Amino acid sequence: MRVYAVSEQRICDVKYREDELNRSLEEIKIETEAALEMRARVDKMIEALQELLHISQQCLVKRSPNVAYQSVDNICIAPHTKNMDGAELNNQCKNVQ
């Protein structure tokens, strides 16, 4: 009888551990899905910022040949650019050439 009771106890222990592992697995799956969703959002944000970065880089490249001219221009333009959005600022950059 004692061997049977020990076997029953081990079976219960194994089932309990199996249930715990299954709960842990489900939690990990949920966390993984959340991380993947967050990564997708971050990738979209990076993609959206790439266009603005490209515009900024183009602006810097266009300004680099006339550094002396631009330093005076920047003083005149800077107060006017404070309330501009990206498109207006890009147009202003094109006008500086």
PDB file of N, CA and C in Angstrom:
ATOM      1  N   MET A   1       0.802  -1.199   0.000  1.00  0.00           N
ATOM      2  CA  MET A   1       0.000   0.000   0.000  1.00  0.00           C
ATOM      3  C   MET A   1       0.848   1.269   0.000  1.00  0.00           C
ATOM      4  N   ARG A   2       1.973   1.218   0.711  1.00  0.00           N
ATOM      5  CA  ARG A   2       2.815   2.394   0.826  1.00  0.00           C
ATOM      6  C   ARG A   2       3.416   2.777  -0.526  1.00  0.00           C
ATOM      7  N   VAL A   3       3.816   1.793  -1.327  1.00  0.00           N
ATOM      8  CA  VAL A   3       4.377   2.057  -2.661  1.00  0.00           C
ATOM      9  C   VAL A   3       3.323   2.722  -3.527  1.00  0.00           C
ATOM     10  N   TYR A   4       2.097   2.301  -3.413  1.00  0.00           N
ATOM     11  CA  TYR A   4       1.004   2.886  -4.187  1.00  0.00           C
ATOM     12  C   TYR A   4       0.799   4.351  -3.800  1.00  0.00           C
ATOM     13  N   ALA A   5       0.873   4.677  -2.530  1.00  0.00           N
ATOM     14  CA  ALA A   5       0.698   6.053  -2.058  1.00  0.00           C
ATOM     15  C   ALA A   5       1.839   6.940  -2.551  1.00  0.00           C
ATOM     16  N   VAL A   6       3.048   6.426  -2.540  1.00  0.00           N
ATOM     17  CA  VAL A   6       4.197   7.182  -3.031  1.00  0.00           C
ATOM     18  C   VAL A   6       4.045   7.439  -4.527  1.00  0.00           C
ATOM     19  N   SER A   7       3.592   6.435  -5.264  1.00  0.00           N
ATOM     20  CA  SER A   7       3.379   6.590  -6.712  1.00  0.00           C
ATOM     21  C   SER A   7       2.293   7.625  -6.980  1.00  0.00           C
ATOM     22  N   GLU A   8       1.234   7.603  -6.215  1.00  0.00           N
ATOM     23  CA  GLU A   8       0.154   8.580  -6.362  1.00  0.00           C
ATOM     24  C   GLU A   8       0.689   9.996  -6.097  1.00  0.00           C
ATOM     25  N   GLN A   9       1.498  10.140  -5.074  1.00  0.00           N
ATOM     26  CA  GLN A   9       2.071  11.445  -4.729  1.00  0.00           C
ATOM     27  C   GLN A   9       2.961  11.956  -5.859  1.00  0.00           C
ATOM     28  N   ARG A  10       3.761  11.090  -6.431  1.00  0.00           N
ATOM     29  CA  ARG A  10       4.635  11.495  -7.539  1.00  0.00           C
ATOM     30  C   ARG A  10       3.819  11.897  -8.756  1.00  0.00           C
ATOM     31  N   ILE A  11       2.762  11.161  -9.032  1.00  0.00           N
ATOM     32  CA  ILE A  11       1.889  11.496 -10.169  1.00  0.00           C
ATOM     33  C   ILE A  11       1.275  12.879  -9.951  1.00  0.00           C
ATOM     34  N   CYS A  12       0.820  13.142  -8.727  1.00  0.00           N
ATOM     35  CA  CYS A  12       0.254  14.459  -8.415  1.00  0.00           C
ATOM     36  C   CYS A  12       1.300  15.555  -8.577  1.00  0.00           C
ATOM     37  N   ASP A  13       2.521  15.298  -8.116  1.00  0.00           N
ATOM     38  CA  ASP A  13       3.602  16.270  -8.238  1.00  0.00           C
ATOM     39  C   ASP A  13       3.908  16.575  -9.707  1.00  0.00           C
ATOM     40  N   VAL A  14       3.957  15.546 -10.516  1.00  0.00           N
ATOM     41  CA  VAL A  14       4.248  15.721 -11.945  1.00  0.00           C
ATOM     42  C   VAL A  14       3.135  16.511 -12.617  1.00  0.00           C
ATOM     43  N   LYS A  15       1.876  16.210 -12.293  1.00  0.00           N
ATOM     44  CA  LYS A  15       0.761  16.956 -12.884  1.00  0.00           C
ATOM     45  C   LYS A  15       0.803  18.425 -12.465  1.00  0.00           C
ATOM     46  N   TYR A  16       1.128  18.667 -11.187  1.00  0.00           N
ATOM     47  CA  TYR A  16       1.225  20.043 -10.704  1.00  0.00           C
ATOM     48  C   TYR A  16       2.325  20.798 -11.448  1.00  0.00           C
ATOM     49  N   ARG A  17       3.476  20.179 -11.589  1.00  0.00           N
ATOM     50  CA  ARG A  17       4.588  20.819 -12.307  1.00  0.00           C
ATOM     51  C   ARG A  17       4.237  21.056 -13.775  1.00  0.00           C
ATOM     52  N   GLU A  18       3.534  20.109 -14.368  1.00  0.00           N
ATOM     53  CA  GLU A  18       3.109  20.267 -15.759  1.00  0.00           C
ATOM     54  C   GLU A  18       2.161  21.468 -15.889  1.00  0.00           C
ATOM     55  N   ASP A  19       1.231  21.601 -14.967  1.00  0.00           N
ATOM     56  CA  ASP A  19       0.311  22.742 -14.986  1.00  0.00           C
ATOM     57  C   ASP A  19       1.077  24.060 -14.816  1.00  0.00           C
ATOM     58  N   GLU A  20       2.038  24.075 -13.902  1.00  0.00           N
ATOM     59  CA  GLU A  20       2.849  25.273 -13.699  1.00  0.00           C
ATOM     60  C   GLU A  20       3.625  25.634 -14.959  1.00  0.00           C
ATOM     61  N   LEU A  21       4.192  24.640 -15.607  1.00  0.00           N
ATOM     62  CA  LEU A  21       4.934  24.893 -16.846  1.00  0.00           C
ATOM     63  C   LEU A  21       4.014  25.409 -17.949  1.00  0.00           C
ATOM     64  N   ASN A  22       2.810  24.862 -18.033  1.00  0.00           N
ATOM     65  CA  ASN A  22       1.856  25.323 -19.043  1.00  0.00           C
ATOM     66  C   ASN A  22       1.448  26.774 -18.780  1.00  0.00           C
ATOM     67  N   ARG A  23       1.247  27.147 -17.508  1.00  0.00           N
ATOM     68  CA  ARG A  23       0.923  28.541 -17.172  1.00  0.00           C
ATOM     69  C   ARG A  23       2.083  29.461 -17.542  1.00  0.00           C
ATOM     70  N   SER A  24       3.281  29.023 -17.228  1.00  0.00           N
ATOM     71  CA  SER A  24       4.461  29.829 -17.572  1.00  0.00           C
ATOM     72  C   SER A  24       4.584  29.990 -19.076  1.00  0.00           C
ATOM     73  N   LEU A  25       4.327  28.940 -19.802  1.00  0.00           N
ATOM     74  CA  LEU A  25       4.396  28.994 -21.262  1.00  0.00           C
ATOM     75  C   LEU A  25       3.385  29.988 -21.813  1.00  0.00           C
ATOM     76  N   GLU A  26       2.178  29.990 -21.291  1.00  0.00           N
ATOM     77  CA  GLU A  26       1.155  30.928 -21.748  1.00  0.00           C
ATOM     78  C   GLU A  26       1.566  32.370 -21.455  1.00  0.00           C
ATOM     79  N   GLU A  27       2.128  32.601 -20.270  1.00  0.00           N
ATOM     80  CA  GLU A  27       2.599  33.945 -19.927  1.00  0.00           C
ATOM     81  C   GLU A  27       3.701  34.398 -20.875  1.00  0.00           C
ATOM     82  N   ILE A  28       4.600  33.495 -21.193  1.00  0.00           N
ATOM     83  CA  ILE A  28       5.696  33.826 -22.111  1.00  0.00           C
ATOM     84  C   ILE A  28       5.154  34.127 -23.502  1.00  0.00           C
ATOM     85  N   LYS A  29       4.159  33.367 -23.939  1.00  0.00           N
ATOM     86  CA  LYS A  29       3.552  33.630 -25.256  1.00  0.00           C
ATOM     87  C   LYS A  29       2.921  35.017 -25.294  1.00  0.00           C
ATOM     88  N   ILE A  30       2.209  35.383 -24.221  1.00  0.00           N
ATOM     89  CA  ILE A  30       1.572  36.700 -24.165  1.00  0.00           C
ATOM     90  C   ILE A  30       2.619  37.808 -24.180  1.00  0.00           C
ATOM     91  N   GLU A  31       3.678  37.648 -23.408  1.00  0.00           N
ATOM     92  CA  GLU A  31       4.748  38.648 -23.373  1.00  0.00           C
ATOM     93  C   GLU A  31       5.459  38.746 -24.723  1.00  0.00           C
ATOM     94  N   THR A  32       5.641  37.621 -25.382  1.00  0.00           N
ATOM     95  CA  THR A  32       6.286  37.621 -26.693  1.00  0.00           C
ATOM     96  C   THR A  32       5.427  38.355 -27.712  1.00  0.00           C
ATOM     97  N   GLU A  33       4.122  38.118 -27.689  1.00  0.00           N
ATOM     98  CA  GLU A  33       3.223  38.820 -28.605  1.00  0.00           C
ATOM     99  C   GLU A  33       3.255  40.324 -28.355  1.00  0.00           C
ATOM    100  N   ALA A  34       3.263  40.711 -27.083  1.00  0.00           N
ATOM    101  CA  ALA A  34       3.322  42.135 -26.750  1.00  0.00           C
ATOM    102  C   ALA A  34       4.634  42.751 -27.243  1.00  0.00           C
ATOM    103  N   ALA A  35       5.724  42.027 -27.083  1.00  0.00           N
ATOM    104  CA  ALA A  35       7.025  42.529 -27.543  1.00  0.00           C
ATOM    105  C   ALA A  35       7.048  42.660 -29.065  1.00  0.00           C
ATOM    106  N   LEU A  36       6.456  41.711 -29.760  1.00  0.00           N
ATOM    107  CA  LEU A  36       6.413  41.781 -31.224  1.00  0.00           C
ATOM    108  C   LEU A  36       5.558  42.956 -31.693  1.00  0.00           C
ATOM    109  N   GLU A  37       4.448  43.208 -31.010  1.00  0.00           N
ATOM    110  CA  GLU A  37       3.608  44.356 -31.353  1.00  0.00           C
ATOM    111  C   GLU A  37       4.358  45.659 -31.122  1.00  0.00           C
ATOM    112  N   MET A  38       5.077  45.727 -30.020  1.00  0.00           N
ATOM    113  CA  MET A  38       5.858  46.927 -29.718  1.00  0.00           C
ATOM    114  C   MET A  38       6.948  47.126 -30.766  1.00  0.00           C
ATOM    115  N   ARG A  39       7.585  46.046 -31.175  1.00  0.00           N
ATOM    116  CA  ARG A  39       8.629  46.149 -32.197  1.00  0.00           C
ATOM    117  C   ARG A  39       8.051  46.648 -33.518  1.00  0.00           C
ATOM    118  N   ALA A  40       6.853  46.164 -33.871  1.00  0.00           N
ATOM    119  CA  ALA A  40       6.216  46.619 -35.097  1.00  0.00           C
ATOM    120  C   ALA A  40       5.931  48.119 -35.033  1.00  0.00           C
ATOM    121  N   ARG A  41       5.472  48.600 -33.874  1.00  0.00           N
ATOM    122  CA  ARG A  41       5.216  50.037 -33.723  1.00  0.00           C
ATOM    123  C   ARG A  41       6.500  50.841 -33.814  1.00  0.00           C
ATOM    124  N   VAL A  42       7.561  50.347 -33.193  1.00  0.00           N
ATOM    125  CA  VAL A  42       8.848  51.048 -33.247  1.00  0.00           C
ATOM    126  C   VAL A  42       9.373  51.083 -34.676  1.00  0.00           C
ATOM    127  N   ASP A  43       9.238  49.969 -35.401  1.00  0.00           N
ATOM    128  CA  ASP A  43       9.678  49.931 -36.797  1.00  0.00           C
ATOM    129  C   ASP A  43       8.917  50.949 -37.641  1.00  0.00           C
ATOM    130  N   LYS A  44       7.606  51.072 -37.403  1.00  0.00           N
ATOM    131  CA  LYS A  44       6.803  52.051 -38.145  1.00  0.00           C
ATOM    132  C   LYS A  44       7.238  53.471 -37.808  1.00  0.00           C
ATOM    133  N   MET A  45       7.553  53.718 -36.537  1.00  0.00           N
ATOM    134  CA  MET A  45       8.002  55.050 -36.141  1.00  0.00           C
ATOM    135  C   MET A  45       9.341  55.377 -36.783  1.00  0.00           C
ATOM    136  N   ILE A  46      10.241  54.417 -36.816  1.00  0.00           N
ATOM    137  CA  ILE A  46      11.550  54.632 -37.449  1.00  0.00           C
ATOM    138  C   ILE A  46      11.367  54.919 -38.929  1.00  0.00           C
ATOM    139  N   GLU A  47      10.497  54.166 -39.567  1.00  0.00           N
ATOM    140  CA  GLU A  47      10.231  54.368 -40.987  1.00  0.00           C
ATOM    141  C   GLU A  47       9.676  55.768 -41.243  1.00  0.00           C
ATOM    142  N   ALA A  48       8.777  56.220 -40.363  1.00  0.00           N
ATOM    143  CA  ALA A  48       8.201  57.556 -40.520  1.00  0.00           C
ATOM    144  C   ALA A  48       9.258  58.639 -40.341  1.00  0.00           C
ATOM    145  N   LEU A  49      10.220  58.410 -39.464  1.00  0.00           N
ATOM    146  CA  LEU A  49      11.260  59.405 -39.224  1.00  0.00           C
ATOM    147  C   LEU A  49      12.342  59.408 -40.306  1.00  0.00           C
ATOM    148  N   GLN A  50      12.423  58.350 -41.083  1.00  0.00           N
ATOM    149  CA  GLN A  50      13.441  58.287 -42.131  1.00  0.00           C
ATOM    150  C   GLN A  50      13.272  59.414 -43.145  1.00  0.00           C
ATOM    151  N   GLU A  51      12.019  59.752 -43.484  1.00  0.00           N
ATOM    152  CA  GLU A  51      11.774  60.819 -44.454  1.00  0.00           C
ATOM    153  C   GLU A  51      12.260  62.165 -43.904  1.00  0.00           C
ATOM    154  N   LEU A  52      11.961  62.426 -42.638  1.00  0.00           N
ATOM    155  CA  LEU A  52      12.415  63.671 -42.035  1.00  0.00           C
ATOM    156  C   LEU A  52      13.937  63.730 -41.953  1.00  0.00           C
ATOM    157  N   LEU A  53      14.560  62.604 -41.635  1.00  0.00           N
ATOM    158  CA  LEU A  53      16.016  62.545 -41.601  1.00  0.00           C
ATOM    159  C   LEU A  53      16.594  62.828 -42.984  1.00  0.00           C
ATOM    160  N   HIS A  54      15.986  62.249 -43.999  1.00  0.00           N
ATOM    161  CA  HIS A  54      16.452  62.455 -45.369  1.00  0.00           C
ATOM    162  C   HIS A  54      16.354  63.935 -45.752  1.00  0.00           C
ATOM    163  N   ILE A  55      15.246  64.571 -45.407  1.00  0.00           N
ATOM    164  CA  ILE A  55      15.071  65.993 -45.703  1.00  0.00           C
ATOM    165  C   ILE A  55      16.139  66.809 -44.982  1.00  0.00           C
ATOM    166  N   SER A  56      16.385  66.504 -43.720  1.00  0.00           N
ATOM    167  CA  SER A  56      17.393  67.231 -42.946  1.00  0.00           C
ATOM    168  C   SER A  56      18.780  67.048 -43.552  1.00  0.00           C
ATOM    169  N   GLN A  57      19.084  65.824 -43.966  1.00  0.00           N
ATOM    170  CA  GLN A  57      20.392  65.569 -44.575  1.00  0.00           C
ATOM    171  C   GLN A  57      20.545  66.322 -45.888  1.00  0.00           C
ATOM    172  N   GLN A  58      19.485  66.347 -46.695  1.00  0.00           N
ATOM    173  CA  GLN A  58      19.549  67.087 -47.952  1.00  0.00           C
ATOM    174  C   GLN A  58      19.772  68.576 -47.686  1.00  0.00           C
ATOM    175  N   CYS A  59      19.077  69.077 -46.693  1.00  0.00           N
ATOM    176  CA  CYS A  59      19.213  70.484 -46.341  1.00  0.00           C
ATOM    177  C   CYS A  59      20.654  70.795 -45.932  1.00  0.00           C
ATOM    178  N   LEU A  60      21.249  69.930 -45.122  1.00  0.00           N
ATOM    179  CA  LEU A  60      22.631  70.139 -44.698  1.00  0.00           C
ATOM    180  C   LEU A  60      23.598  70.071 -45.870  1.00  0.00           C
ATOM    181  N   VAL A  61      23.358  69.138 -46.782  1.00  0.00           N
ATOM    182  CA  VAL A  61      24.234  69.015 -47.953  1.00  0.00           C
ATOM    183  C   VAL A  61      24.132  70.256 -48.821  1.00  0.00           C
ATOM    184  N   LYS A  62      22.924  70.757 -49.006  1.00  0.00           N
ATOM    185  CA  LYS A  62      22.741  71.941 -49.846  1.00  0.00           C
ATOM    186  C   LYS A  62      23.352  73.177 -49.204  1.00  0.00           C
ATOM    187  N   ARG A  63      23.360  73.230 -47.877  1.00  0.00           N
ATOM    188  CA  ARG A  63      23.904  74.399 -47.189  1.00  0.00           C
ATOM    189  C   ARG A  63      25.421  74.356 -47.061  1.00  0.00           C
ATOM    190  N   SER A  64      26.014  73.205 -47.067  1.00  0.00           N
ATOM    191  CA  SER A  64      27.451  73.092 -46.780  1.00  0.00           C
ATOM    192  C   SER A  64      28.361  73.875 -47.726  1.00  0.00           C
ATOM    193  N   PRO A  65      28.076  74.013 -49.018  1.00  0.00           N
ATOM    194  CA  PRO A  65      29.000  74.789 -49.866  1.00  0.00           C
ATOM    195  C   PRO A  65      29.034  76.276 -49.523  1.00  0.00           C
ATOM    196  N   ASN A  66      27.971  76.854 -48.989  1.00  0.00           N
ATOM    197  CA  ASN A  66      27.922  78.292 -48.721  1.00  0.00           C
ATOM    198  C   ASN A  66      27.908  78.568 -47.220  1.00  0.00           C
ATOM    199  N   VAL A  67      28.862  78.076 -46.502  1.00  0.00           N
ATOM    200  CA  VAL A  67      28.841  78.215 -45.046  1.00  0.00           C
ATOM    201  C   VAL A  67      28.856  79.689 -44.634  1.00  0.00           C
ATOM    202  N   ALA A  68      29.689  80.502 -45.261  1.00  0.00           N
ATOM    203  CA  ALA A  68      29.779  81.910 -44.881  1.00  0.00           C
ATOM    204  C   ALA A  68      28.458  82.622 -45.160  1.00  0.00           C
ATOM    205  N   TYR A  69      27.867  82.343 -46.298  1.00  0.00           N
ATOM    206  CA  TYR A  69      26.600  82.973 -46.680  1.00  0.00           C
ATOM    207  C   TYR A  69      25.485  82.535 -45.730  1.00  0.00           C
ATOM    208  N   GLN A  70      25.483  81.272 -45.385  1.00  0.00           N
ATOM    209  CA  GLN A  70      24.412  80.734 -44.560  1.00  0.00           C
ATOM    210  C   GLN A  70      24.439  81.245 -43.139  1.00  0.00           C
ATOM    211  N   SER A  71      25.597  81.451 -42.587  1.00  0.00           N
ATOM    212  CA  SER A  71      25.635  81.892 -41.200  1.00  0.00           C
ATOM    213  C   SER A  71      24.875  83.203 -41.057  1.00  0.00           C
ATOM    214  N   VAL A  72      24.975  84.088 -42.038  1.00  0.00           N
ATOM    215  CA  VAL A  72      24.209  85.328 -42.020  1.00  0.00           C
ATOM    216  C   VAL A  72      22.740  85.019 -42.258  1.00  0.00           C
ATOM    217  N   ASP A  73      22.462  84.127 -43.201  1.00  0.00           N
ATOM    218  CA  ASP A  73      21.079  83.745 -43.513  1.00  0.00           C
ATOM    219  C   ASP A  73      20.392  83.125 -42.309  1.00  0.00           C
ATOM    220  N   ASN A  74      21.099  82.258 -41.594  1.00  0.00           N
ATOM    221  CA  ASN A  74      20.500  81.573 -40.451  1.00  0.00           C
ATOM    222  C   ASN A  74      20.061  82.566 -39.382  1.00  0.00           C
ATOM    223  N   ILE A  75      20.816  83.629 -39.218  1.00  0.00           N
ATOM    224  CA  ILE A  75      20.445  84.641 -38.231  1.00  0.00           C
ATOM    225  C   ILE A  75      19.131  85.296 -38.637  1.00  0.00           C
ATOM    226  N   CYS A  76      18.976  85.548 -39.925  1.00  0.00           N
ATOM    227  CA  CYS A  76      17.753  86.180 -40.403  1.00  0.00           C
ATOM    228  C   CYS A  76      16.566  85.214 -40.386  1.00  0.00           C
ATOM    229  N   ILE A  77      16.813  83.942 -40.668  1.00  0.00           N
ATOM    230  CA  ILE A  77      15.735  82.974 -40.806  1.00  0.00           C
ATOM    231  C   ILE A  77      15.300  82.401 -39.463  1.00  0.00           C
ATOM    232  N   ALA A  78      16.235  82.217 -38.542  1.00  0.00           N
ATOM    233  CA  ALA A  78      15.946  81.516 -37.294  1.00  0.00           C
ATOM    234  C   ALA A  78      14.699  82.009 -36.561  1.00  0.00           C
ATOM    235  N   PRO A  79      14.493  83.314 -36.354  1.00  0.00           N
ATOM    236  CA  PRO A  79      13.286  83.728 -35.628  1.00  0.00           C
ATOM    237  C   PRO A  79      11.998  83.355 -36.348  1.00  0.00           C
ATOM    238  N   HIS A  80      12.049  83.252 -37.664  1.00  0.00           N
ATOM    239  CA  HIS A  80      10.847  82.945 -38.434  1.00  0.00           C
ATOM    240  C   HIS A  80      10.533  81.455 -38.465  1.00  0.00           C
ATOM    241  N   THR A  81      11.487  80.612 -38.132  1.00  0.00           N
ATOM    242  CA  THR A  81      11.288  79.162 -38.252  1.00  0.00           C
ATOM    243  C   THR A  81      10.741  78.522 -36.986  1.00  0.00           C
ATOM    244  N   LYS A  82      10.601  79.250 -35.912  1.00  0.00           N
ATOM    245  CA  LYS A  82      10.196  78.656 -34.645  1.00  0.00           C
ATOM    246  C   LYS A  82       8.827  77.996 -34.713  1.00  0.00           C
ATOM    247  N   ASN A  83       7.894  78.572 -35.451  1.00  0.00           N
ATOM    248  CA  ASN A  83       6.525  78.042 -35.494  1.00  0.00           C
ATOM    249  C   ASN A  83       6.217  77.285 -36.779  1.00  0.00           C
ATOM    250  N   MET A  84       7.228  76.910 -37.553  1.00  0.00           N
ATOM    251  CA  MET A  84       7.010  76.208 -38.817  1.00  0.00           C
ATOM    252  C   MET A  84       6.932  74.705 -38.599  1.00  0.00           C
ATOM    253  N   ASP A  85       6.144  74.035 -39.437  1.00  0.00           N
ATOM    254  CA  ASP A  85       6.141  72.575 -39.398  1.00  0.00           C
ATOM    255  C   ASP A  85       7.202  72.061 -40.370  1.00  0.00           C
ATOM    256  N   GLY A  86       7.315  70.748 -40.511  1.00  0.00           N
ATOM    257  CA  GLY A  86       8.368  70.136 -41.326  1.00  0.00           C
ATOM    258  C   GLY A  86       8.340  70.575 -42.775  1.00  0.00           C
ATOM    259  N   ALA A  87       7.146  70.662 -43.387  1.00  0.00           N
ATOM    260  CA  ALA A  87       7.038  71.024 -44.803  1.00  0.00           C
ATOM    261  C   ALA A  87       7.485  72.468 -45.023  1.00  0.00           C
ATOM    262  N   GLU A  88       7.059  73.365 -44.144  1.00  0.00           N
ATOM    263  CA  GLU A  88       7.451  74.762 -44.281  1.00  0.00           C
ATOM    264  C   GLU A  88       8.950  74.930 -44.096  1.00  0.00           C
ATOM    265  N   LEU A  89       9.497  74.197 -43.140  1.00  0.00           N
ATOM    266  CA  LEU A  89      10.924  74.273 -42.889  1.00  0.00           C
ATOM    267  C   LEU A  89      11.717  73.747 -44.084  1.00  0.00           C
ATOM    268  N   ASN A  90      11.202  72.683 -44.714  1.00  0.00           N
ATOM    269  CA  ASN A  90      11.854  72.136 -45.900  1.00  0.00           C
ATOM    270  C   ASN A  90      11.815  73.153 -47.026  1.00  0.00           C
ATOM    271  N   ASN A  91      10.688  73.818 -47.228  1.00  0.00           N
ATOM    272  CA  ASN A  91      10.594  74.839 -48.268  1.00  0.00           C
ATOM    273  C   ASN A  91      11.549  75.986 -47.976  1.00  0.00           C
ATOM    274  N   GLN A  92      11.670  76.362 -46.705  1.00  0.00           N
ATOM    275  CA  GLN A  92      12.585  77.418 -46.311  1.00  0.00           C
ATOM    276  C   GLN A  92      14.018  77.000 -46.629  1.00  0.00           C
ATOM    277  N   CYS A  93      14.325  75.730 -46.386  1.00  0.00           N
ATOM    278  CA  CYS A  93      15.665  75.213 -46.660  1.00  0.00           C
ATOM    279  C   CYS A  93      15.964  75.295 -48.151  1.00  0.00           C
ATOM    280  N   LYS A  94      14.985  74.970 -48.980  1.00  0.00           N
ATOM    281  CA  LYS A  94      15.189  75.025 -50.425  1.00  0.00           C
ATOM    282  C   LYS A  94      15.424  76.467 -50.883  1.00  0.00           C
ATOM    283  N   ASN A  95      14.788  77.424 -50.230  1.00  0.00           N
ATOM    284  CA  ASN A  95      14.934  78.817 -50.600  1.00  0.00           C
ATOM    285  C   ASN A  95      16.284  79.395 -50.217  1.00  0.00           C
ATOM    286  N   VAL A  96      16.988  78.748 -49.277  1.00  0.00           N
ATOM    287  CA  VAL A  96      18.269  79.250 -48.798  1.00  0.00           C
ATOM    288  C   VAL A  96      19.363  79.097 -49.833  1.00  0.00           C
ATOM    289  N   GLN A  97      19.243  78.130 -50.716  1.00  0.00           N
ATOM    290  CA  GLN A  97      20.295  77.854 -51.698  1.00  0.00           C
ATOM    291  C   GLN A  97      20.846  79.077 -52.299  1.00  0.00           C
TER     292      GLN A  97
END
